[in-house]
Amino acid sequence: MKYVLLYATEDLSKAPLHQAAHSARGQDFHERGLLVAYGPFTNAQEEGAMAVFTTREAAEEFAHGDPFVLGGVVRSSWQVREWLEAFLP
């Protein structure tokens, strides 16, 4: 099982101010084996973004301290959903 963090966009114009810190946080979680992949949907303004984590706790920890959440790039009303991955490595 994996855990999908879903973000809704708040104000993408603020993204450049927080991009470096957001990326560094993502890299840290990835290097620790907690973050599988993340990124925006092609129409991020309307559809937001998602990230796939190995645990619910990691997804929630990431969102609570994500510079994009704290800086208002995405809404603080994110959600984590359980995902049954069909193809396992």
PDB file of N, CA and C in Angstrom:
ATOM      1  N   MET A   1       0.833  -1.172   0.000  1.00  0.00           N
ATOM      2  CA  MET A   1       0.000   0.000   0.000  1.00  0.00           C
ATOM      3  C   MET A   1       0.881   1.240   0.000  1.00  0.00           C
ATOM      4  N   LYS A   2       0.428   2.249  -0.710  1.00  0.00           N
ATOM      5  CA  LYS A   2       1.076   3.555  -0.734  1.00  0.00           C
ATOM      6  C   LYS A   2       0.042   4.592  -0.290  1.00  0.00           C
ATOM      7  N   TYR A   3       0.517   5.808  -0.087  1.00  0.00           N
ATOM      8  CA  TYR A   3      -0.340   6.887   0.388  1.00  0.00           C
ATOM      9  C   TYR A   3      -0.154   8.100  -0.515  1.00  0.00           C
ATOM     10  N   VAL A   4      -1.263   8.581  -1.069  1.00  0.00           N
ATOM     11  CA  VAL A   4      -1.231   9.687  -2.017  1.00  0.00           C
ATOM     12  C   VAL A   4      -1.674  10.962  -1.315  1.00  0.00           C
ATOM     13  N   LEU A   5      -0.805  11.955  -1.376  1.00  0.00           N
ATOM     14  CA  LEU A   5      -1.098  13.281  -0.841  1.00  0.00           C
ATOM     15  C   LEU A   5      -1.623  14.115  -1.999  1.00  0.00           C
ATOM     16  N   LEU A   6      -2.816  14.672  -1.844  1.00  0.00           N
ATOM     17  CA  LEU A   6      -3.428  15.503  -2.876  1.00  0.00           C
ATOM     18  C   LEU A   6      -3.493  16.947  -2.399  1.00  0.00           C
ATOM     19  N   TYR A   7      -2.978  17.827  -3.247  1.00  0.00           N
ATOM     20  CA  TYR A   7      -2.975  19.255  -2.963  1.00  0.00           C
ATOM     21  C   TYR A   7      -3.896  19.977  -3.944  1.00  0.00           C
ATOM     22  N   ALA A   8      -4.595  20.985  -3.455  1.00  0.00           N
ATOM     23  CA  ALA A   8      -5.328  21.909  -4.310  1.00  0.00           C
ATOM     24  C   ALA A   8      -4.548  23.219  -4.328  1.00  0.00           C
ATOM     25  N   THR A   9      -4.512  23.863  -5.464  1.00  0.00           N
ATOM     26  CA  THR A   9      -3.739  25.089  -5.634  1.00  0.00           C
ATOM     27  C   THR A   9      -4.407  26.268  -4.932  1.00  0.00           C
ATOM     28  N   GLU A  10      -3.579  27.104  -4.327  1.00  0.00           N
ATOM     29  CA  GLU A  10      -4.056  28.335  -3.707  1.00  0.00           C
ATOM     30  C   GLU A  10      -3.587  29.530  -4.538  1.00  0.00           C
ATOM     31  N   ASP A  11      -2.254  29.718  -4.639  1.00  0.00           N
ATOM     32  CA  ASP A  11      -1.708  30.869  -5.359  1.00  0.00           C
ATOM     33  C   ASP A  11      -0.363  30.493  -5.977  1.00  0.00           C
ATOM     34  N   LEU A  12      -0.396  30.040  -7.232  1.00  0.00           N
ATOM     35  CA  LEU A  12       0.827  29.592  -7.905  1.00  0.00           C
ATOM     36  C   LEU A  12       1.843  30.707  -8.123  1.00  0.00           C
ATOM     37  N   SER A  13       1.414  31.954  -8.045  1.00  0.00           N
ATOM     38  CA  SER A  13       2.370  33.051  -8.232  1.00  0.00           C
ATOM     39  C   SER A  13       3.401  33.086  -7.103  1.00  0.00           C
ATOM     40  N   LYS A  14       3.097  32.459  -5.977  1.00  0.00           N
ATOM     41  CA  LYS A  14       4.022  32.409  -4.845  1.00  0.00           C
ATOM     42  C   LYS A  14       5.029  31.265  -4.956  1.00  0.00           C
ATOM     43  N   ALA A  15       4.840  30.372  -5.913  1.00  0.00           N
ATOM     44  CA  ALA A  15       5.692  29.184  -6.028  1.00  0.00           C
ATOM     45  C   ALA A  15       7.180  29.502  -6.153  1.00  0.00           C
ATOM     46  N   PRO A  16       7.592  30.463  -6.981  1.00  0.00           N
ATOM     47  CA  PRO A  16       9.033  30.730  -7.105  1.00  0.00           C
ATOM     48  C   PRO A  16       9.709  31.095  -5.778  1.00  0.00           C
ATOM     49  N   LEU A  17       8.978  31.739  -4.881  1.00  0.00           N
ATOM     50  CA  LEU A  17       9.538  32.126  -3.583  1.00  0.00           C
ATOM     51  C   LEU A  17       9.847  30.918  -2.695  1.00  0.00           C
ATOM     52  N   HIS A  18       9.138  29.826  -2.912  1.00  0.00           N
ATOM     53  CA  HIS A  18       9.235  28.661  -2.035  1.00  0.00           C
ATOM     54  C   HIS A  18       9.763  27.410  -2.730  1.00  0.00           C
ATOM     55  N   GLN A  19      10.063  27.516  -4.025  1.00  0.00           N
ATOM     56  CA  GLN A  19      10.452  26.344  -4.810  1.00  0.00           C
ATOM     57  C   GLN A  19      11.701  25.646  -4.272  1.00  0.00           C
ATOM     58  N   ALA A  20      12.737  26.384  -3.947  1.00  0.00           N
ATOM     59  CA  ALA A  20      13.987  25.761  -3.487  1.00  0.00           C
ATOM     60  C   ALA A  20      13.772  24.982  -2.195  1.00  0.00           C
ATOM     61  N   ALA A  21      13.066  25.566  -1.246  1.00  0.00           N
ATOM     62  CA  ALA A  21      12.821  24.887   0.033  1.00  0.00           C
ATOM     63  C   ALA A  21      11.896  23.686  -0.153  1.00  0.00           C
ATOM     64  N   HIS A  22      10.895  23.818  -1.006  1.00  0.00           N
ATOM     65  CA  HIS A  22       9.977  22.715  -1.304  1.00  0.00           C
ATOM     66  C   HIS A  22      10.744  21.559  -1.946  1.00  0.00           C
ATOM     67  N   SER A  23      11.604  21.864  -2.900  1.00  0.00           N
ATOM     68  CA  SER A  23      12.399  20.833  -3.576  1.00  0.00           C
ATOM     69  C   SER A  23      13.369  20.148  -2.620  1.00  0.00           C
ATOM     70  N   ALA A  24      13.990  20.923  -1.755  1.00  0.00           N
ATOM     71  CA  ALA A  24      14.917  20.347  -0.772  1.00  0.00           C
ATOM     72  C   ALA A  24      14.178  19.396   0.171  1.00  0.00           C
ATOM     73  N   ARG A  25      12.983  19.778   0.576  1.00  0.00           N
ATOM     74  CA  ARG A  25      12.182  18.899   1.444  1.00  0.00           C
ATOM     75  C   ARG A  25      11.827  17.618   0.693  1.00  0.00           C
ATOM     76  N   GLY A  26      11.426  17.741  -0.553  1.00  0.00           N
ATOM     77  CA  GLY A  26      11.112  16.559  -1.353  1.00  0.00           C
ATOM     78  C   GLY A  26      12.317  15.647  -1.507  1.00  0.00           C
ATOM     79  N   GLN A  27      13.466  16.222  -1.776  1.00  0.00           N
ATOM     80  CA  GLN A  27      14.697  15.435  -1.935  1.00  0.00           C
ATOM     81  C   GLN A  27      15.034  14.689  -0.646  1.00  0.00           C
ATOM     82  N   ASP A  28      14.884  15.355   0.485  1.00  0.00           N
ATOM     83  CA  ASP A  28      15.156  14.733   1.781  1.00  0.00           C
ATOM     84  C   ASP A  28      14.237  13.526   2.007  1.00  0.00           C
ATOM     85  N   PHE A  29      12.951  13.698   1.766  1.00  0.00           N
ATOM     86  CA  PHE A  29      12.004  12.593   1.967  1.00  0.00           C
ATOM     87  C   PHE A  29      12.288  11.461   0.984  1.00  0.00           C
ATOM     88  N   HIS A  30      12.663  11.805  -0.236  1.00  0.00           N
ATOM     89  CA  HIS A  30      12.984  10.778  -1.234  1.00  0.00           C
ATOM     90  C   HIS A  30      14.233   9.993  -0.823  1.00  0.00           C
ATOM     91  N   GLU A  31      15.263  10.682  -0.389  1.00  0.00           N
ATOM     92  CA  GLU A  31      16.502  10.021   0.021  1.00  0.00           C
ATOM     93  C   GLU A  31      16.299   9.119   1.233  1.00  0.00           C
ATOM     94  N   ARG A  32      15.330   9.444   2.061  1.00  0.00           N
ATOM     95  CA  ARG A  32      15.026   8.611   3.223  1.00  0.00           C
ATOM     96  C   ARG A  32      14.085   7.450   2.871  1.00  0.00           C
ATOM     97  N   GLY A  33      13.708   7.347   1.598  1.00  0.00           N
ATOM     98  CA  GLY A  33      12.862   6.252   1.150  1.00  0.00           C
ATOM     99  C   GLY A  33      11.394   6.421   1.485  1.00  0.00           C
ATOM    100  N   LEU A  34      10.967   7.641   1.777  1.00  0.00           N
ATOM    101  CA  LEU A  34       9.584   7.901   2.165  1.00  0.00           C
ATOM    102  C   LEU A  34       8.729   8.445   1.025  1.00  0.00           C
ATOM    103  N   LEU A  35       9.356   9.148   0.086  1.00  0.00           N
ATOM    104  CA  LEU A  35       8.646   9.772  -1.026  1.00  0.00           C
ATOM    105  C   LEU A  35       9.018   9.053  -2.314  1.00  0.00           C
ATOM    106  N   VAL A  36       8.017   8.500  -2.985  1.00  0.00           N
ATOM    107  CA  VAL A  36       8.237   7.763  -4.233  1.00  0.00           C
ATOM    108  C   VAL A  36       8.307   8.728  -5.413  1.00  0.00           C
ATOM    109  N   ALA A  37       7.344   9.634  -5.501  1.00  0.00           N
ATOM    110  CA  ALA A  37       7.278  10.601  -6.609  1.00  0.00           C
ATOM    111  C   ALA A  37       6.334  11.734  -6.204  1.00  0.00           C
ATOM    112  N   TYR A  38       6.562  12.900  -6.814  1.00  0.00           N
ATOM    113  CA  TYR A  38       5.634  14.014  -6.589  1.00  0.00           C
ATOM    114  C   TYR A  38       5.705  15.003  -7.727  1.00  0.00           C
ATOM    115  N   GLY A  39       4.663  15.815  -7.845  1.00  0.00           N
ATOM    116  CA  GLY A  39       4.643  16.845  -8.873  1.00  0.00           C
ATOM    117  C   GLY A  39       3.232  17.324  -9.156  1.00  0.00           C
ATOM    118  N   PRO A  40       3.150  18.400  -9.945  1.00  0.00           N
ATOM    119  CA  PRO A  40       1.850  18.965 -10.285  1.00  0.00           C
ATOM    120  C   PRO A  40       1.203  18.216 -11.438  1.00  0.00           C
ATOM    121  N   PHE A  41      -0.108  18.312 -11.515  1.00  0.00           N
ATOM    122  CA  PHE A  41      -0.816  17.852 -12.699  1.00  0.00           C
ATOM    123  C   PHE A  41      -0.571  18.879 -13.810  1.00  0.00           C
ATOM    124  N   THR A  42      -0.780  18.499 -15.057  1.00  0.00           N
ATOM    125  CA  THR A  42      -0.453  19.399 -16.168  1.00  0.00           C
ATOM    126  C   THR A  42      -1.226  20.713 -16.099  1.00  0.00           C
ATOM    127  N   ASN A  43      -2.417  20.689 -15.532  1.00  0.00           N
ATOM    128  CA  ASN A  43      -3.185  21.908 -15.326  1.00  0.00           C
ATOM    129  C   ASN A  43      -3.231  22.173 -13.814  1.00  0.00           C
ATOM    130  N   ALA A  44      -2.079  22.509 -13.257  1.00  0.00           N
ATOM    131  CA  ALA A  44      -1.942  22.643 -11.803  1.00  0.00           C
ATOM    132  C   ALA A  44      -2.891  23.668 -11.212  1.00  0.00           C
ATOM    133  N   GLN A  45      -3.172  24.738 -11.934  1.00  0.00           N
ATOM    134  CA  GLN A  45      -4.059  25.773 -11.399  1.00  0.00           C
ATOM    135  C   GLN A  45      -5.434  25.199 -11.077  1.00  0.00           C
ATOM    136  N   GLU A  46      -5.923  24.297 -11.919  1.00  0.00           N
ATOM    137  CA  GLU A  46      -7.239  23.699 -11.715  1.00  0.00           C
ATOM    138  C   GLU A  46      -7.188  22.369 -10.971  1.00  0.00           C
ATOM    139  N   GLU A  47      -6.140  21.581 -11.204  1.00  0.00           N
ATOM    140  CA  GLU A  47      -6.103  20.202 -10.710  1.00  0.00           C
ATOM    141  C   GLU A  47      -5.160  19.981  -9.539  1.00  0.00           C
ATOM    142  N   GLY A  48      -4.271  20.925  -9.260  1.00  0.00           N
ATOM    143  CA  GLY A  48      -3.369  20.803  -8.124  1.00  0.00           C
ATOM    144  C   GLY A  48      -2.188  19.891  -8.378  1.00  0.00           C
ATOM    145  N   ALA A  49      -1.801  19.142  -7.351  1.00  0.00           N
ATOM    146  CA  ALA A  49      -0.614  18.297  -7.417  1.00  0.00           C
ATOM    147  C   ALA A  49      -0.822  17.076  -6.535  1.00  0.00           C
ATOM    148  N   MET A  50       0.085  16.115  -6.679  1.00  0.00           N
ATOM    149  CA  MET A  50       0.022  14.925  -5.845  1.00  0.00           C
ATOM    150  C   MET A  50       1.418  14.420  -5.535  1.00  0.00           C
ATOM    151  N   ALA A  51       1.495  13.612  -4.484  1.00  0.00           N
ATOM    152  CA  ALA A  51       2.745  12.969  -4.105  1.00  0.00           C
ATOM    153  C   ALA A  51       2.405  11.574  -3.594  1.00  0.00           C
ATOM    154  N   VAL A  52       3.324  10.636  -3.818  1.00  0.00           N
ATOM    155  CA  VAL A  52       3.112   9.257  -3.381  1.00  0.00           C
ATOM    156  C   VAL A  52       4.155   8.919  -2.320  1.00  0.00           C
ATOM    157  N   PHE A  53       3.689   8.492  -1.155  1.00  0.00           N
ATOM    158  CA  PHE A  53       4.543   8.184  -0.013  1.00  0.00           C
ATOM    159  C   PHE A  53       4.413   6.722   0.390  1.00  0.00           C
ATOM    160  N   THR A  54       5.397   6.256   1.128  1.00  0.00           N
ATOM    161  CA  THR A  54       5.390   4.873   1.596  1.00  0.00           C
ATOM    162  C   THR A  54       4.572   4.688   2.868  1.00  0.00           C
ATOM    163  N   THR A  55       4.347   5.766   3.624  1.00  0.00           N
ATOM    164  CA  THR A  55       3.535   5.685   4.838  1.00  0.00           C
ATOM    165  C   THR A  55       2.634   6.916   4.948  1.00  0.00           C
ATOM    166  N   ARG A  56       1.527   6.748   5.635  1.00  0.00           N
ATOM    167  CA  ARG A  56       0.624   7.879   5.892  1.00  0.00           C
ATOM    168  C   ARG A  56       1.334   8.933   6.743  1.00  0.00           C
ATOM    169  N   GLU A  57       2.106   8.468   7.718  1.00  0.00           N
ATOM    170  CA  GLU A  57       2.813   9.392   8.610  1.00  0.00           C
ATOM    171  C   GLU A  57       3.773  10.284   7.827  1.00  0.00           C
ATOM    172  N   ALA A  58       4.468   9.703   6.843  1.00  0.00           N
ATOM    173  CA  ALA A  58       5.389  10.491   6.024  1.00  0.00           C
ATOM    174  C   ALA A  58       4.631  11.526   5.200  1.00  0.00           C
ATOM    175  N   ALA A  59       3.495  11.143   4.636  1.00  0.00           N
ATOM    176  CA  ALA A  59       2.695  12.076   3.840  1.00  0.00           C
ATOM    177  C   ALA A  59       2.222  13.244   4.699  1.00  0.00           C
ATOM    178  N   GLU A  60       1.739  12.933   5.893  1.00  0.00           N
ATOM    179  CA  GLU A  60       1.254  13.988   6.779  1.00  0.00           C
ATOM    180  C   GLU A  60       2.388  14.878   7.277  1.00  0.00           C
ATOM    181  N   GLU A  61       3.521  14.270   7.605  1.00  0.00           N
ATOM    182  CA  GLU A  61       4.684  15.048   8.046  1.00  0.00           C
ATOM    183  C   GLU A  61       5.143  15.993   6.937  1.00  0.00           C
ATOM    184  N   PHE A  62       5.205  15.475   5.715  1.00  0.00           N
ATOM    185  CA  PHE A  62       5.622  16.297   4.587  1.00  0.00           C
ATOM    186  C   PHE A  62       4.689  17.499   4.435  1.00  0.00           C
ATOM    187  N   ALA A  63       3.387  17.244   4.413  1.00  0.00           N
ATOM    188  CA  ALA A  63       2.416  18.318   4.190  1.00  0.00           C
ATOM    189  C   ALA A  63       2.439  19.352   5.306  1.00  0.00           C
ATOM    190  N   HIS A  64       2.544  18.914   6.539  1.00  0.00           N
ATOM    191  CA  HIS A  64       2.535  19.857   7.669  1.00  0.00           C
ATOM    192  C   HIS A  64       3.699  20.849   7.609  1.00  0.00           C
ATOM    193  N   GLY A  65       4.834  20.416   7.052  1.00  0.00           N
ATOM    194  CA  GLY A  65       5.994  21.309   7.000  1.00  0.00           C
ATOM    195  C   GLY A  65       6.376  21.761   5.616  1.00  0.00           C
ATOM    196  N   ASP A  66       5.556  21.466   4.624  1.00  0.00           N
ATOM    197  CA  ASP A  66       5.885  21.816   3.236  1.00  0.00           C
ATOM    198  C   ASP A  66       5.862  23.333   3.040  1.00  0.00           C
ATOM    199  N   PRO A  67       6.942  23.912   2.538  1.00  0.00           N
ATOM    200  CA  PRO A  67       6.955  25.348   2.273  1.00  0.00           C
ATOM    201  C   PRO A  67       5.843  25.807   1.322  1.00  0.00           C
ATOM    202  N   PHE A  68       5.380  24.938   0.442  1.00  0.00           N
ATOM    203  CA  PHE A  68       4.262  25.307  -0.435  1.00  0.00           C
ATOM    204  C   PHE A  68       2.962  25.444   0.360  1.00  0.00           C
ATOM    205  N   VAL A  69       2.766  24.624   1.372  1.00  0.00           N
ATOM    206  CA  VAL A  69       1.587  24.746   2.235  1.00  0.00           C
ATOM    207  C   VAL A  69       1.735  25.980   3.119  1.00  0.00           C
ATOM    208  N   LEU A  70       2.886  26.090   3.785  1.00  0.00           N
ATOM    209  CA  LEU A  70       3.115  27.200   4.702  1.00  0.00           C
ATOM    210  C   LEU A  70       3.127  28.550   3.996  1.00  0.00           C
ATOM    211  N   GLY A  71       3.555  28.560   2.727  1.00  0.00           N
ATOM    212  CA  GLY A  71       3.648  29.801   1.967  1.00  0.00           C
ATOM    213  C   GLY A  71       2.420  30.134   1.143  1.00  0.00           C
ATOM    214  N   GLY A  72       1.382  29.301   1.213  1.00  0.00           N
ATOM    215  CA  GLY A  72       0.134  29.604   0.507  1.00  0.00           C
ATOM    216  C   GLY A  72       0.125  29.276  -0.971  1.00  0.00           C
ATOM    217  N   VAL A  73       1.089  28.487  -1.437  1.00  0.00           N
ATOM    218  CA  VAL A  73       1.087  28.070  -2.846  1.00  0.00           C
ATOM    219  C   VAL A  73      -0.039  27.069  -3.071  1.00  0.00           C
ATOM    220  N   VAL A  74      -0.184  26.142  -2.118  1.00  0.00           N
ATOM    221  CA  VAL A  74      -1.288  25.188  -2.148  1.00  0.00           C
ATOM    222  C   VAL A  74      -2.107  25.352  -0.870  1.00  0.00           C
ATOM    223  N   ARG A  75      -3.328  24.902  -0.911  1.00  0.00           N
ATOM    224  CA  ARG A  75      -4.218  25.050   0.240  1.00  0.00           C
ATOM    225  C   ARG A  75      -3.779  24.164   1.395  1.00  0.00           C
ATOM    226  N   SER A  76      -4.072  24.602   2.576  1.00  0.00           N
ATOM    227  CA  SER A  76      -3.740  23.817   3.767  1.00  0.00           C
ATOM    228  C   SER A  76      -4.743  22.691   3.986  1.00  0.00           C
ATOM    229  N   SER A  77      -5.778  22.620   3.171  1.00  0.00           N
ATOM    230  CA  SER A  77      -6.787  21.566   3.285  1.00  0.00           C
ATOM    231  C   SER A  77      -6.452  20.385   2.376  1.00  0.00           C
ATOM    232  N   TRP A  78      -5.213  19.908   2.446  1.00  0.00           N
ATOM    233  CA  TRP A  78      -4.768  18.761   1.669  1.00  0.00           C
ATOM    234  C   TRP A  78      -5.403  17.487   2.212  1.00  0.00           C
ATOM    235  N   GLN A  79      -5.288  16.402   1.440  1.00  0.00           N
ATOM    236  CA  GLN A  79      -5.808  15.118   1.910  1.00  0.00           C
ATOM    237  C   GLN A  79      -4.849  13.993   1.565  1.00  0.00           C
ATOM    238  N   VAL A  80      -4.866  12.950   2.374  1.00  0.00           N
ATOM    239  CA  VAL A  80      -4.068  11.750   2.131  1.00  0.00           C
ATOM    240  C   VAL A  80      -5.044  10.605   1.897  1.00  0.00           C
ATOM    241  N   ARG A  81      -4.801   9.865   0.804  1.00  0.00           N
ATOM    242  CA  ARG A  81      -5.659   8.731   0.474  1.00  0.00           C
ATOM    243  C   ARG A  81      -4.821   7.471   0.330  1.00  0.00           C
ATOM    244  N   GLU A  82      -5.358   6.355   0.815  1.00  0.00           N
ATOM    245  CA  GLU A  82      -4.685   5.067   0.657  1.00  0.00           C
ATOM    246  C   GLU A  82      -4.808   4.619  -0.797  1.00  0.00           C
ATOM    247  N   TRP A  83      -3.731   4.047  -1.316  1.00  0.00           N
ATOM    248  CA  TRP A  83      -3.693   3.620  -2.711  1.00  0.00           C
ATOM    249  C   TRP A  83      -3.137   2.213  -2.780  1.00  0.00           C
ATOM    250  N   LEU A  84      -3.883   1.311  -3.396  1.00  0.00           N
ATOM    251  CA  LEU A  84      -3.442  -0.064  -3.577  1.00  0.00           C
ATOM    252  C   LEU A  84      -2.689  -0.162  -4.895  1.00  0.00           C
ATOM    253  N   GLU A  85      -1.394  -0.149  -4.802  1.00  0.00           N
ATOM    254  CA  GLU A  85      -0.544  -0.195  -5.988  1.00  0.00           C
ATOM    255  C   GLU A  85      -0.665  -1.570  -6.653  1.00  0.00           C
ATOM    256  N   ALA A  86      -0.975  -1.590  -7.942  1.00  0.00           N
ATOM    257  CA  ALA A  86      -1.214  -2.859  -8.645  1.00  0.00           C
ATOM    258  C   ALA A  86       0.083  -3.563  -9.043  1.00  0.00           C
ATOM    259  N   PHE A  87       1.101  -2.818  -9.441  1.00  0.00           N
ATOM    260  CA  PHE A  87       2.365  -3.411  -9.869  1.00  0.00           C
ATOM    261  C   PHE A  87       3.427  -3.099  -8.852  1.00  0.00           C
ATOM    262  N   LEU A  88       3.950  -4.121  -8.244  1.00  0.00           N
ATOM    263  CA  LEU A  88       4.987  -3.925  -7.249  1.00  0.00           C
ATOM    264  C   LEU A  88       6.352  -4.200  -7.862  1.00  0.00           C
ATOM    265  N   PRO A  89       7.366  -3.430  -7.451  1.00  0.00           N
ATOM    266  CA  PRO A  89       8.711  -3.635  -8.013  1.00  0.00           C
ATOM    267  C   PRO A  89       9.300  -4.975  -7.586  1.00  0.00           C
TER     268      PRO A  89
END
